[in-house]
Amino acid sequence: MSNPSIWRGVITAITTPFTADGQVDHAFIAEHARWLIDSGCTGIVPLGSLGEAATLGFDEKLAILRTLVAALGERAPVIPGIAALSTAEAVRLAREAKAIGCRGLMVLPPYVYSTDWCEMGAHLRAVIEATDLPCMIYNNPIAYKTDFSPAQIAELAQQYPNVQAVKESSGDVRRFAAIKSLLGDRLELLVGMDDAIVEGIAMGATGWIAGLVNAYPRESVKLFELARDGGSKAAAELYAWFLPLLRLDTVPKFVQLIKLVQEKVGRGNERVRAPRLVLEGAERSAALAVIDHAIATRPQL
């Protein structure tokens, strides 16, 4: 199964909304996904770090995938994050995702355990081999303490035709040049950190797995298109407005921060699942100062 185009454009790393009693809010996530696609996003990535996947049960994950696939139909792909404590559970999740109708997979290292390439590579291979769905390797050494080098990513791409993309969240845009030097245009390159999008596109990225897009999809799509079509100068003004918000995506409490932005713009609520807690005190005040300034100076597109 091959569809490289699913990796292009602004793809939302969608948050997981919760009801007041702590359950997944399926009605809202369905409506939210449709709104994001209506606003120009090209796909939805649930069950990622921003989606609080580590706090979701296996059955909750499957239910979210069913809701999103039903909500979007053929309009846009649902590309879930595949991560678990064990390889066996990750493989099972990948297979269930295909059966539900997901059209691609974002393959992560396992939760908690980080070790050498021998073990991490074996884990990724097991997930990649579990289905014929297109796969995107997710490299986020900051969050997962596992760093997939360009050479290791190239090894997987050369071994598996269904490895089609890489989401780079190392914070080092030089990785894109390194991957291209090994593979040319074999893989689609996607930016995984919100505040590196213009730089990433300049280095050859064709997609963006975005976080603040949950609150500002039209601005995110416009920024992506300006940077893609006109370069950094064309994107400079919008990027300058957006950057203080985009930087909220790259700190430990990014989930709480992005959900707070959503609440402030009327696109969800800030509820999170423990051990996360909503922001309080000076931390909350500082975040609200950034968010309120962005709302007050929001550009007219």
Protein backbone atom coordinates (compact mmCIF):
# COMPACT_ATOMS: atom_id res chain seq x y z
CA MET A 1 0.00 0.00 0.00
CA SER A 2 1.56 3.30 -1.06
CA ASN A 3 0.32 6.86 -0.83
CA PRO A 4 3.14 9.37 -0.32
CA SER A 5 0.75 12.31 -0.63
CA ILE A 6 -0.71 11.61 2.82
CA TRP A 7 2.48 13.00 4.33
CA ARG A 8 2.24 16.46 2.78
CA GLY A 9 0.76 19.67 4.13
CA VAL A 10 -0.36 20.49 7.67
CA ILE A 11 -1.32 17.34 9.56
CA THR A 12 -2.82 17.84 13.01
CA ALA A 13 -1.43 16.03 16.02
CA ILE A 14 -4.88 16.11 17.54
CA THR A 15 -5.44 16.52 21.26
CA THR A 16 -7.63 14.07 23.15
CA PRO A 17 -10.61 15.90 24.71
CA PHE A 18 -12.03 14.77 28.01
CA THR A 19 -15.46 15.24 29.56
CA ALA A 20 -15.93 16.60 33.06
CA ASP A 21 -15.89 13.04 34.45
CA GLY A 22 -12.62 12.19 32.70
CA GLN A 23 -13.93 10.17 29.77
CA VAL A 24 -12.88 10.67 26.16
CA ASP A 25 -15.23 13.19 24.52
CA HIS A 26 -15.99 11.41 21.26
CA ALA A 27 -18.55 13.93 20.06
CA PHE A 28 -16.06 16.77 20.33
CA ILE A 29 -13.08 14.96 18.80
CA ALA A 30 -15.21 14.05 15.76
CA GLU A 31 -16.44 17.61 15.31
CA HIS A 32 -12.96 19.02 15.96
CA ALA A 33 -11.37 16.76 13.33
CA ARG A 34 -13.93 17.79 10.73
CA TRP A 35 -13.31 21.48 11.53
CA LEU A 36 -9.56 21.03 11.15
CA ILE A 37 -9.96 19.42 7.72
CA ASP A 38 -12.47 22.10 6.71
CA SER A 39 -9.80 24.66 7.67
CA GLY A 40 -7.22 23.21 5.29
CA CYS A 41 -5.42 20.50 7.23
CA THR A 42 -4.60 17.39 5.22
CA GLY A 43 -4.73 14.68 7.87
CA ILE A 44 -5.16 13.80 11.54
CA VAL A 45 -2.62 12.09 13.81
CA PRO A 46 -4.27 10.84 17.02
CA LEU A 47 -2.62 8.91 19.88
CA GLY A 48 0.60 10.90 19.83
CA SER A 49 2.40 12.67 22.66
CA LEU A 50 0.04 15.64 22.39
CA GLY A 51 -2.87 13.21 22.39
CA GLU A 52 -1.85 11.92 25.84
CA ALA A 53 -1.67 8.41 24.41
CA ALA A 54 0.38 7.07 27.30
CA THR A 55 -2.58 7.68 29.61
CA LEU A 56 -5.13 6.01 27.34
CA GLY A 57 -6.16 2.40 27.65
CA PHE A 58 -5.94 0.10 24.63
CA ASP A 59 -9.70 0.02 24.14
CA GLU A 60 -9.88 3.81 24.49
CA LYS A 61 -7.33 4.12 21.69
CA LEU A 62 -9.34 1.90 19.39
CA ALA A 63 -12.52 3.80 20.16
CA ILE A 64 -10.83 7.10 19.25
CA LEU A 65 -9.66 5.64 15.95
CA ARG A 66 -13.15 4.37 15.13
CA THR A 67 -14.63 7.78 15.90
CA LEU A 68 -12.14 9.64 13.73
CA VAL A 69 -12.33 7.24 10.78
CA ALA A 70 -16.12 7.47 10.86
CA ALA A 71 -16.02 11.26 11.15
CA LEU A 72 -13.62 11.82 8.24
CA GLY A 73 -14.40 8.94 5.88
CA GLU A 74 -12.46 9.43 2.66
CA ARG A 75 -11.93 13.16 3.22
CA ALA A 76 -8.59 12.84 5.01
CA PRO A 77 -6.37 10.11 6.45
CA VAL A 78 -6.28 9.10 10.09
CA ILE A 79 -2.66 8.25 10.94
CA PRO A 80 -2.39 7.07 14.56
CA GLY A 81 0.69 7.06 16.70
CA ILE A 82 1.72 3.49 17.45
CA ALA A 83 3.40 3.26 20.83
CA ALA A 84 3.07 0.94 23.79
CA LEU A 85 4.99 -0.48 26.71
CA SER A 86 5.61 -3.72 24.83
CA THR A 87 6.32 -4.60 21.22
CA ALA A 88 3.47 -7.10 21.22
CA GLU A 89 0.94 -4.44 22.17
CA ALA A 90 2.31 -2.01 19.57
CA VAL A 91 1.99 -4.68 16.88
CA ARG A 92 -1.58 -5.41 17.97
CA LEU A 93 -2.44 -1.70 17.89
CA ALA A 94 -1.02 -1.36 14.37
CA ARG A 95 -3.08 -4.29 13.11
CA GLU A 96 -6.25 -3.01 14.78
CA ALA A 97 -5.64 0.44 13.28
CA LYS A 98 -5.57 -1.03 9.79
CA ALA A 99 -8.71 -3.06 10.42
CA ILE A 100 -10.52 0.08 11.62
CA GLY A 101 -9.61 1.93 8.43
CA CYS A 102 -6.61 4.07 9.29
CA ARG A 103 -4.52 4.89 6.23
CA GLY A 104 -1.04 5.21 7.71
CA LEU A 105 0.94 4.76 10.92
CA MET A 106 3.27 6.97 12.92
CA VAL A 107 5.73 4.52 14.45
CA LEU A 108 7.25 5.45 17.81
CA PRO A 109 9.76 3.80 20.12
CA PRO A 110 8.26 2.01 23.12
CA TYR A 111 7.18 3.93 26.19
CA VAL A 112 9.61 4.06 29.12
CA TYR A 113 12.29 1.67 27.84
CA SER A 114 15.14 3.15 25.83
CA THR A 115 18.19 1.17 24.83
CA ASP A 116 20.43 0.46 21.81
CA TRP A 117 19.64 0.23 18.10
CA CYS A 118 19.57 -3.55 18.22
CA GLU A 119 16.50 -3.54 20.45
CA MET A 120 14.91 -0.30 19.25
CA GLY A 121 15.38 -1.32 15.62
CA ALA A 122 13.77 -4.69 16.31
CA HIS A 123 10.78 -2.94 17.87
CA LEU A 124 10.30 -0.65 14.87
CA ARG A 125 10.68 -3.52 12.41
CA ALA A 126 8.00 -5.52 14.21
CA VAL A 127 5.53 -2.63 13.95
CA ILE A 128 6.42 -1.83 10.33
CA GLU A 129 6.02 -5.50 9.35
CA ALA A 130 2.68 -5.82 11.17
CA THR A 131 0.74 -4.29 8.25
CA ASP A 132 1.27 -2.99 4.74
CA LEU A 133 0.18 0.52 5.75
CA PRO A 134 2.47 3.46 4.90
CA CYS A 135 4.65 4.26 7.90
CA MET A 136 6.26 7.40 9.23
CA ILE A 137 9.15 7.00 11.67
CA TYR A 138 8.87 9.42 14.58
CA ASN A 139 12.19 10.58 15.98
CA ASN A 140 11.81 12.50 19.23
CA PRO A 141 14.84 11.86 21.44
CA ILE A 142 13.88 14.69 23.79
CA ALA A 143 10.61 13.03 24.80
CA TYR A 144 11.36 9.34 24.29
CA LYS A 145 15.09 9.21 25.12
CA THR A 146 15.70 7.23 21.95
CA ASP A 147 17.44 8.90 19.02
CA PHE A 148 17.09 7.37 15.57
CA SER A 149 20.05 8.60 13.56
CA PRO A 150 19.80 9.44 9.86
CA ALA A 151 21.76 6.26 9.10
CA GLN A 152 19.33 4.12 11.11
CA ILE A 153 16.33 5.75 9.46
CA ALA A 154 17.93 5.14 6.07
CA GLU A 155 18.45 1.48 7.00
CA LEU A 156 14.72 1.06 7.64
CA ALA A 157 13.75 2.95 4.49
CA GLN A 158 16.00 0.74 2.37
CA GLN A 159 14.60 -2.41 3.96
CA TYR A 160 10.87 -1.56 3.93
CA PRO A 161 9.03 0.04 0.99
CA ASN A 162 6.15 1.04 3.27
CA VAL A 163 8.46 3.30 5.30
CA GLN A 164 7.60 6.51 3.48
CA ALA A 165 8.28 9.39 5.86
CA VAL A 166 10.09 10.62 8.94
CA LYS A 167 8.83 13.06 11.54
CA GLU A 168 11.88 14.83 12.93
CA SER A 169 11.60 16.31 16.42
CA SER A 170 15.23 16.24 17.49
CA GLY A 171 15.40 20.03 17.28
CA ASP A 172 18.29 19.81 14.82
CA VAL A 173 17.19 20.83 11.32
CA ARG A 174 20.54 19.55 10.02
CA ARG A 175 19.04 16.07 10.30
CA PHE A 176 16.97 16.75 7.17
CA ALA A 177 20.11 17.40 5.12
CA ALA A 178 21.71 14.28 6.56
CA ILE A 179 18.72 12.11 5.66
CA LYS A 180 18.60 13.55 2.14
CA SER A 181 22.29 12.92 1.66
CA LEU A 182 21.67 9.23 2.37
CA LEU A 183 18.31 8.74 0.65
CA GLY A 184 17.69 11.63 -1.73
CA ASP A 185 13.93 12.04 -2.06
CA ARG A 186 13.13 8.49 -0.93
CA LEU A 187 11.39 9.73 2.25
CA GLU A 188 8.94 12.55 2.87
CA LEU A 189 10.36 14.83 5.55
CA LEU A 190 8.01 16.26 8.17
CA VAL A 191 8.64 18.85 10.85
CA GLY A 192 7.58 17.69 14.30
CA MET A 193 8.36 20.81 16.36
CA ASP A 194 6.07 23.78 15.84
CA ASP A 195 8.72 26.46 16.22
CA ALA A 196 10.95 24.96 13.52
CA ILE A 197 8.46 24.88 10.67
CA VAL A 198 9.88 27.65 8.47
CA GLU A 199 13.41 26.36 8.97
CA GLY A 200 12.33 22.80 8.28
CA ILE A 201 10.62 23.70 5.02
CA ALA A 202 13.79 25.52 3.96
CA MET A 203 15.63 22.24 4.50
CA GLY A 204 13.22 20.26 2.35
CA ALA A 205 10.30 19.31 4.59
CA THR A 206 7.03 18.73 2.75
CA GLY A 207 4.80 18.20 5.79
CA TRP A 208 4.19 19.46 9.30
CA ILE A 209 2.82 17.42 12.20
CA ALA A 210 1.54 20.45 14.07
CA GLY A 211 0.25 21.12 17.59
CA LEU A 212 -0.98 24.72 17.83
CA VAL A 213 -3.00 23.98 14.72
CA ASN A 214 -5.60 22.59 17.15
CA ALA A 215 -6.44 26.22 17.98
CA TYR A 216 -5.23 28.04 14.87
CA PRO A 217 -5.63 25.87 11.76
CA ARG A 218 -6.08 28.67 9.21
CA GLU A 219 -2.98 30.45 10.46
CA SER A 220 -1.00 27.21 10.48
CA VAL A 221 -1.98 26.33 6.92
CA LYS A 222 -1.23 29.87 5.73
CA LEU A 223 2.18 29.86 7.41
CA PHE A 224 3.03 26.51 5.85
CA GLU A 225 1.98 27.67 2.39
CA LEU A 226 3.88 30.97 2.65
CA ALA A 227 7.07 29.21 3.72
CA ARG A 228 6.67 26.50 1.08
CA ASP A 229 5.86 28.81 -1.81
CA GLY A 230 7.77 31.98 -0.93
CA GLY A 231 10.43 31.05 1.61
CA SER A 232 11.27 32.62 4.94
CA LYS A 233 10.81 36.21 3.79
CA ALA A 234 7.26 35.55 2.65
CA ALA A 235 6.45 33.86 5.95
CA ALA A 236 8.29 36.31 8.22
CA GLU A 237 5.40 38.52 9.35
CA LEU A 238 2.99 35.69 10.16
CA TYR A 239 5.80 33.64 11.75
CA ALA A 240 6.72 36.54 14.03
CA TRP A 241 3.15 36.70 15.34
CA PHE A 242 2.84 32.92 15.68
CA LEU A 243 6.23 32.06 17.21
CA PRO A 244 5.42 32.83 20.87
CA LEU A 245 2.51 30.40 20.59
CA LEU A 246 4.46 27.83 18.59
CA ARG A 247 7.14 27.75 21.29
CA LEU A 248 4.51 26.43 23.71
CA ASP A 249 4.77 23.16 21.78
CA THR A 250 8.38 22.55 22.80
CA VAL A 251 8.28 22.56 26.62
CA PRO A 252 7.41 19.73 29.05
CA LYS A 253 3.85 20.98 29.73
CA PHE A 254 3.03 21.44 26.06
CA VAL A 255 -0.17 19.40 26.37
CA GLN A 256 -1.58 21.63 29.11
CA LEU A 257 -0.48 24.75 27.23
CA ILE A 258 -1.98 23.81 23.89
CA LYS A 259 -5.24 22.73 25.49
CA LEU A 260 -5.33 26.07 27.33
CA VAL A 261 -4.93 27.87 24.01
CA GLN A 262 -7.79 25.80 22.62
CA GLU A 263 -10.02 26.77 25.51
CA LYS A 264 -9.17 30.45 25.17
CA VAL A 265 -10.12 30.50 21.48
CA GLY A 266 -13.27 28.44 22.03
CA ARG A 267 -12.08 25.19 20.47
CA GLY A 268 -12.18 22.77 23.39
CA ASN A 269 -11.26 22.75 27.05
CA GLU A 270 -8.06 22.45 29.05
CA ARG A 271 -8.90 19.20 30.83
CA VAL A 272 -5.98 16.77 30.95
CA ARG A 273 -5.59 13.31 32.39
CA ALA A 274 -3.47 12.79 35.51
CA PRO A 275 -0.60 12.77 36.21
CA ARG A 276 -0.91 15.98 34.19
CA LEU A 277 -2.68 18.84 35.94
CA VAL A 278 -3.99 22.10 34.55
CA LEU A 279 -1.65 25.05 34.89
CA GLU A 280 -1.86 27.21 38.01
CA GLY A 281 -0.25 30.24 39.61
CA ALA A 282 2.58 32.15 37.99
CA GLU A 283 3.00 29.46 35.33
CA ARG A 284 -0.58 29.94 34.24
CA SER A 285 -0.33 33.72 34.32
CA ALA A 286 2.76 33.68 32.11
CA ALA A 287 1.07 31.40 29.60
CA LEU A 288 -2.08 33.50 29.52
CA ALA A 289 -0.04 36.63 28.85
CA VAL A 290 1.34 35.00 25.70
CA ILE A 291 -2.03 33.60 24.66
CA ASP A 292 -3.99 36.81 25.29
CA HIS A 293 -1.45 38.90 23.39
CA ALA A 294 -1.73 36.53 20.42
CA ILE A 295 -5.52 36.76 20.49
CA ALA A 296 -5.40 40.56 20.67
CA THR A 297 -2.99 40.84 17.74
CA ARG A 298 -4.34 37.99 15.62
CA PRO A 299 -3.77 38.84 11.96
CA GLN A 300 -6.56 39.08 9.44
CA LEU A 301 -6.02 36.39 6.81
